[in-house]
N, C-alpha and C. Protein backbone atom coordinates (compact mmCIF):
# COMPACT_ATOMS: atom_id res chain seq x y z
N MET A 1 -11.51 -6.07 9.83
CA MET A 1 -11.06 -5.00 8.95
C MET A 1 -10.79 -3.77 9.77
N LEU A 2 -9.76 -3.04 9.38
CA LEU A 2 -9.44 -1.77 10.00
C LEU A 2 -9.64 -0.64 9.00
N ILE A 3 -10.15 0.47 9.49
CA ILE A 3 -10.28 1.68 8.66
C ILE A 3 -9.58 2.78 9.36
N LEU A 4 -8.75 3.51 8.60
CA LEU A 4 -8.10 4.73 9.09
C LEU A 4 -8.75 5.87 8.30
N ALA A 5 -9.25 6.88 9.03
CA ALA A 5 -9.92 7.98 8.36
C ALA A 5 -9.76 9.25 9.20
N GLY A 6 -9.73 10.36 8.48
CA GLY A 6 -9.62 11.65 9.18
C GLY A 6 -8.78 12.59 8.39
N HIS A 7 -8.20 13.54 9.11
CA HIS A 7 -7.43 14.64 8.49
C HIS A 7 -6.04 14.74 9.09
N LEU A 8 -5.04 14.86 8.19
CA LEU A 8 -3.72 15.29 8.56
C LEU A 8 -3.71 16.78 8.45
N LYS A 9 -2.96 17.47 9.32
CA LYS A 9 -2.87 18.92 9.24
C LYS A 9 -1.44 19.34 9.15
N THR A 10 -1.16 20.24 8.24
CA THR A 10 0.17 20.81 8.09
C THR A 10 0.00 22.31 7.78
N SER A 11 1.09 22.98 7.57
CA SER A 11 1.08 24.37 7.21
C SER A 11 0.42 24.50 5.81
N PRO A 12 -0.46 25.48 5.61
CA PRO A 12 -1.00 25.67 4.28
C PRO A 12 0.07 25.80 3.19
N ALA A 13 1.24 26.32 3.54
CA ALA A 13 2.31 26.47 2.57
C ALA A 13 2.90 25.11 2.18
N LEU A 14 2.66 24.08 2.99
CA LEU A 14 3.24 22.76 2.73
C LEU A 14 2.24 21.71 2.27
N VAL A 15 0.93 22.08 2.26
CA VAL A 15 -0.08 21.06 1.99
C VAL A 15 0.05 20.40 0.62
N GLU A 16 0.44 21.12 -0.38
CA GLU A 16 0.59 20.53 -1.73
C GLU A 16 1.74 19.54 -1.73
N ASP A 17 2.86 19.86 -1.05
CA ASP A 17 4.01 18.98 -0.95
C ASP A 17 3.63 17.72 -0.18
N LEU A 18 2.90 17.88 0.90
CA LEU A 18 2.45 16.73 1.71
C LEU A 18 1.60 15.81 0.85
N ALA A 19 0.63 16.38 0.17
CA ALA A 19 -0.28 15.59 -0.67
C ALA A 19 0.49 14.84 -1.77
N ALA A 20 1.48 15.47 -2.34
CA ALA A 20 2.31 14.83 -3.36
C ALA A 20 3.09 13.68 -2.75
N ALA A 21 3.66 13.87 -1.60
CA ALA A 21 4.40 12.79 -0.95
C ALA A 21 3.49 11.63 -0.65
N LEU A 22 2.30 11.88 -0.15
CA LEU A 22 1.36 10.84 0.14
C LEU A 22 0.88 10.10 -1.12
N ARG A 23 0.59 10.90 -2.13
CA ARG A 23 0.13 10.27 -3.37
C ARG A 23 1.20 9.34 -4.00
N SER A 24 2.48 9.65 -3.78
CA SER A 24 3.53 8.79 -4.31
C SER A 24 3.50 7.39 -3.67
N LEU A 25 2.83 7.28 -2.56
CA LEU A 25 2.75 5.98 -1.85
C LEU A 25 1.54 5.13 -2.31
N VAL A 26 0.59 5.73 -2.96
CA VAL A 26 -0.66 5.09 -3.24
C VAL A 26 -0.49 3.84 -4.11
N GLU A 27 0.11 3.97 -5.28
CA GLU A 27 0.19 2.85 -6.20
C GLU A 27 0.90 1.62 -5.59
N PRO A 28 2.09 1.78 -5.00
CA PRO A 28 2.71 0.60 -4.43
C PRO A 28 1.93 0.03 -3.21
N THR A 29 1.30 0.91 -2.45
CA THR A 29 0.55 0.42 -1.30
C THR A 29 -0.66 -0.36 -1.71
N LEU A 30 -1.31 0.06 -2.73
CA LEU A 30 -2.49 -0.68 -3.20
C LEU A 30 -2.14 -2.12 -3.64
N LYS A 31 -0.89 -2.38 -3.92
CA LYS A 31 -0.43 -3.72 -4.31
C LYS A 31 -0.03 -4.57 -3.10
N GLU A 32 0.00 -3.98 -1.91
CA GLU A 32 0.36 -4.71 -0.71
C GLU A 32 -0.72 -5.68 -0.31
N ASP A 33 -0.29 -6.84 0.17
CA ASP A 33 -1.24 -7.82 0.70
C ASP A 33 -2.01 -7.23 1.86
N GLY A 34 -3.32 -7.26 1.75
CA GLY A 34 -4.18 -6.77 2.87
C GLY A 34 -4.62 -5.35 2.71
N CYS A 35 -4.14 -4.59 1.72
CA CYS A 35 -4.58 -3.25 1.49
C CYS A 35 -5.84 -3.30 0.64
N LEU A 36 -6.96 -2.76 1.17
CA LEU A 36 -8.20 -2.77 0.48
C LEU A 36 -8.53 -1.41 -0.16
N ASP A 37 -8.11 -0.34 0.46
CA ASP A 37 -8.23 1.03 -0.04
C ASP A 37 -7.13 1.89 0.58
N TYR A 38 -6.68 2.90 -0.20
CA TYR A 38 -5.61 3.75 0.30
C TYR A 38 -5.67 5.03 -0.52
N SER A 39 -6.14 6.10 0.07
CA SER A 39 -6.27 7.36 -0.70
C SER A 39 -6.12 8.57 0.18
N PHE A 40 -5.72 9.65 -0.49
CA PHE A 40 -5.52 10.97 0.14
C PHE A 40 -6.04 12.03 -0.78
N ALA A 41 -6.51 13.12 -0.21
CA ALA A 41 -6.98 14.26 -1.01
C ALA A 41 -6.85 15.53 -0.18
N ILE A 42 -6.45 16.61 -0.82
CA ILE A 42 -6.45 17.89 -0.10
C ILE A 42 -7.89 18.22 0.20
N ASP A 43 -8.18 18.47 1.44
CA ASP A 43 -9.53 18.80 1.85
C ASP A 43 -9.73 20.34 1.85
N ASP A 44 -8.81 21.05 2.49
CA ASP A 44 -8.85 22.50 2.60
C ASP A 44 -7.44 23.03 2.55
N ALA A 45 -7.02 23.48 1.38
CA ALA A 45 -5.64 23.96 1.22
C ALA A 45 -5.34 25.13 2.14
N ALA A 46 -6.30 26.00 2.34
CA ALA A 46 -6.11 27.19 3.19
C ALA A 46 -5.89 26.81 4.63
N ALA A 47 -6.48 25.70 5.05
CA ALA A 47 -6.33 25.18 6.43
C ALA A 47 -5.18 24.20 6.56
N GLY A 48 -4.65 23.76 5.43
CA GLY A 48 -3.54 22.78 5.46
C GLY A 48 -3.99 21.39 5.80
N THR A 49 -5.22 20.98 5.43
CA THR A 49 -5.72 19.67 5.77
C THR A 49 -5.80 18.75 4.58
N VAL A 50 -5.41 17.50 4.84
CA VAL A 50 -5.44 16.42 3.85
C VAL A 50 -6.33 15.31 4.39
N LEU A 51 -7.29 14.90 3.61
CA LEU A 51 -8.20 13.82 3.98
C LEU A 51 -7.51 12.50 3.78
N VAL A 52 -7.59 11.61 4.75
CA VAL A 52 -6.96 10.28 4.73
C VAL A 52 -8.06 9.25 4.77
N TYR A 53 -7.97 8.22 3.92
CA TYR A 53 -8.87 7.07 3.98
C TYR A 53 -8.08 5.83 3.62
N GLU A 54 -8.00 4.91 4.57
CA GLU A 54 -7.33 3.62 4.32
C GLU A 54 -8.21 2.52 4.88
N ARG A 55 -8.18 1.37 4.19
CA ARG A 55 -8.90 0.21 4.65
C ARG A 55 -7.97 -0.99 4.56
N TRP A 56 -7.84 -1.71 5.66
CA TRP A 56 -6.89 -2.83 5.73
C TRP A 56 -7.59 -4.12 6.15
N ARG A 57 -7.17 -5.23 5.62
CA ARG A 57 -7.78 -6.52 5.99
C ARG A 57 -7.74 -6.79 7.49
N ASP A 58 -6.54 -6.48 8.07
CA ASP A 58 -6.36 -6.72 9.48
C ASP A 58 -5.16 -5.95 10.03
N ALA A 59 -4.95 -6.06 11.33
CA ALA A 59 -3.87 -5.32 11.98
C ALA A 59 -2.49 -5.76 11.50
N ASP A 60 -2.34 -7.04 11.18
CA ASP A 60 -1.03 -7.52 10.70
C ASP A 60 -0.70 -6.89 9.37
N ALA A 61 -1.68 -6.75 8.47
CA ALA A 61 -1.38 -6.15 7.15
C ALA A 61 -0.98 -4.66 7.35
N LEU A 62 -1.68 -3.99 8.24
CA LEU A 62 -1.34 -2.57 8.52
C LEU A 62 0.08 -2.48 9.12
N ALA A 63 0.40 -3.36 10.04
CA ALA A 63 1.74 -3.34 10.63
C ALA A 63 2.84 -3.55 9.61
N VAL A 64 2.64 -4.48 8.68
CA VAL A 64 3.63 -4.71 7.64
C VAL A 64 3.77 -3.46 6.76
N HIS A 65 2.65 -2.85 6.47
CA HIS A 65 2.65 -1.59 5.66
C HIS A 65 3.45 -0.50 6.38
N LEU A 66 3.17 -0.31 7.66
CA LEU A 66 3.83 0.77 8.41
C LEU A 66 5.33 0.52 8.58
N ALA A 67 5.79 -0.70 8.35
CA ALA A 67 7.22 -1.02 8.47
C ALA A 67 7.96 -0.90 7.14
N GLN A 68 7.23 -0.63 6.06
CA GLN A 68 7.86 -0.48 4.75
C GLN A 68 8.81 0.72 4.73
N PRO A 69 9.99 0.59 4.11
CA PRO A 69 10.92 1.70 4.05
C PRO A 69 10.33 2.98 3.47
N SER A 70 9.49 2.84 2.44
CA SER A 70 8.92 4.04 1.83
C SER A 70 7.99 4.78 2.80
N ILE A 71 7.25 4.02 3.58
CA ILE A 71 6.32 4.62 4.55
C ILE A 71 7.14 5.28 5.69
N LEU A 72 8.11 4.57 6.19
CA LEU A 72 8.96 5.09 7.23
C LEU A 72 9.67 6.38 6.79
N GLY A 73 10.08 6.40 5.51
CA GLY A 73 10.77 7.55 4.95
C GLY A 73 9.84 8.80 4.93
N VAL A 74 8.63 8.62 4.44
CA VAL A 74 7.70 9.75 4.37
C VAL A 74 7.30 10.18 5.81
N LEU A 75 6.96 9.23 6.64
CA LEU A 75 6.59 9.58 7.99
C LEU A 75 7.73 10.28 8.71
N GLY A 76 8.93 9.81 8.52
CA GLY A 76 10.10 10.45 9.16
C GLY A 76 10.36 11.82 8.65
N ALA A 77 10.25 12.02 7.33
CA ALA A 77 10.51 13.32 6.74
C ALA A 77 9.49 14.34 7.13
N TRP A 78 8.24 13.92 7.42
CA TRP A 78 7.17 14.84 7.75
C TRP A 78 6.82 14.87 9.22
N ALA A 79 7.51 14.10 10.03
CA ALA A 79 7.15 13.95 11.43
C ALA A 79 6.96 15.26 12.17
N ASP A 80 7.81 16.21 11.92
CA ASP A 80 7.74 17.47 12.65
C ASP A 80 6.92 18.53 11.89
N LYS A 81 6.28 18.13 10.81
CA LYS A 81 5.51 19.09 9.97
C LYS A 81 4.02 18.76 9.89
N ILE A 82 3.62 17.62 10.48
CA ILE A 82 2.23 17.25 10.37
C ILE A 82 1.64 16.91 11.77
N ASP A 83 0.39 17.13 11.87
CA ASP A 83 -0.39 16.72 13.05
C ASP A 83 -1.25 15.56 12.63
N THR A 84 -1.01 14.38 13.21
CA THR A 84 -1.76 13.20 12.84
C THR A 84 -2.95 12.91 13.79
N SER A 85 -3.18 13.77 14.77
CA SER A 85 -4.20 13.48 15.79
C SER A 85 -5.59 13.48 15.18
N GLY A 86 -5.80 13.99 14.00
CA GLY A 86 -7.11 14.00 13.38
C GLY A 86 -7.40 12.74 12.62
N VAL A 87 -6.47 11.80 12.58
CA VAL A 87 -6.72 10.54 11.89
C VAL A 87 -6.98 9.47 12.94
N ARG A 88 -8.07 8.77 12.77
CA ARG A 88 -8.48 7.76 13.77
C ARG A 88 -8.52 6.37 13.11
N LYS A 89 -8.33 5.34 13.94
CA LYS A 89 -8.37 3.97 13.46
C LYS A 89 -9.62 3.29 14.02
N PHE A 90 -10.39 2.64 13.17
CA PHE A 90 -11.63 1.99 13.55
C PHE A 90 -11.59 0.53 13.23
N ASP A 91 -12.09 -0.31 14.12
CA ASP A 91 -12.33 -1.70 13.83
C ASP A 91 -13.71 -1.80 13.15
N ALA A 92 -13.75 -2.49 12.02
CA ALA A 92 -15.02 -2.56 11.29
C ALA A 92 -15.46 -4.02 11.16
N ALA A 93 -16.72 -4.21 11.37
CA ALA A 93 -17.33 -5.55 11.23
C ALA A 93 -18.71 -5.32 10.57
N ASN A 94 -19.22 -6.41 10.04
CA ASN A 94 -20.58 -6.35 9.44
C ASN A 94 -20.63 -5.41 8.27
N GLU A 95 -19.66 -5.52 7.38
CA GLU A 95 -19.65 -4.68 6.16
C GLU A 95 -20.84 -5.05 5.31
N ARG A 96 -21.48 -4.01 4.73
CA ARG A 96 -22.64 -4.22 3.87
C ARG A 96 -22.72 -3.04 2.90
N GLY A 97 -23.61 -3.16 1.94
CA GLY A 97 -23.81 -2.12 0.97
C GLY A 97 -24.39 -0.84 1.56
N PHE A 98 -24.21 0.25 0.87
CA PHE A 98 -24.67 1.56 1.28
C PHE A 98 -26.16 1.57 1.63
N MET A 99 -26.98 0.93 0.85
CA MET A 99 -28.42 0.97 1.08
C MET A 99 -28.95 -0.22 1.91
N ASP A 100 -28.06 -1.10 2.38
CA ASP A 100 -28.47 -2.25 3.19
C ASP A 100 -28.63 -1.86 4.65
């Protein structure tokens, strides 16, 4: 399993637009084979940060997702307006309950 988590950063003036663009991807992405979780939330509007959380079955499922025209369109439109360095990808194994 892969987990992507962290913060995207943009101009505070653009954070609402970025969040709306990302939210438009949630419903169709959750229907993709291998998508386990996919969510975004404004973390700090004044700082221009959006919290990212994605969970994928495997690298192949994530690769197919990243090649989708809708994803390429949003990433392309926002490429020069966001800093993605705050989002990290983790390999996850041994999943268990919160209290386990």
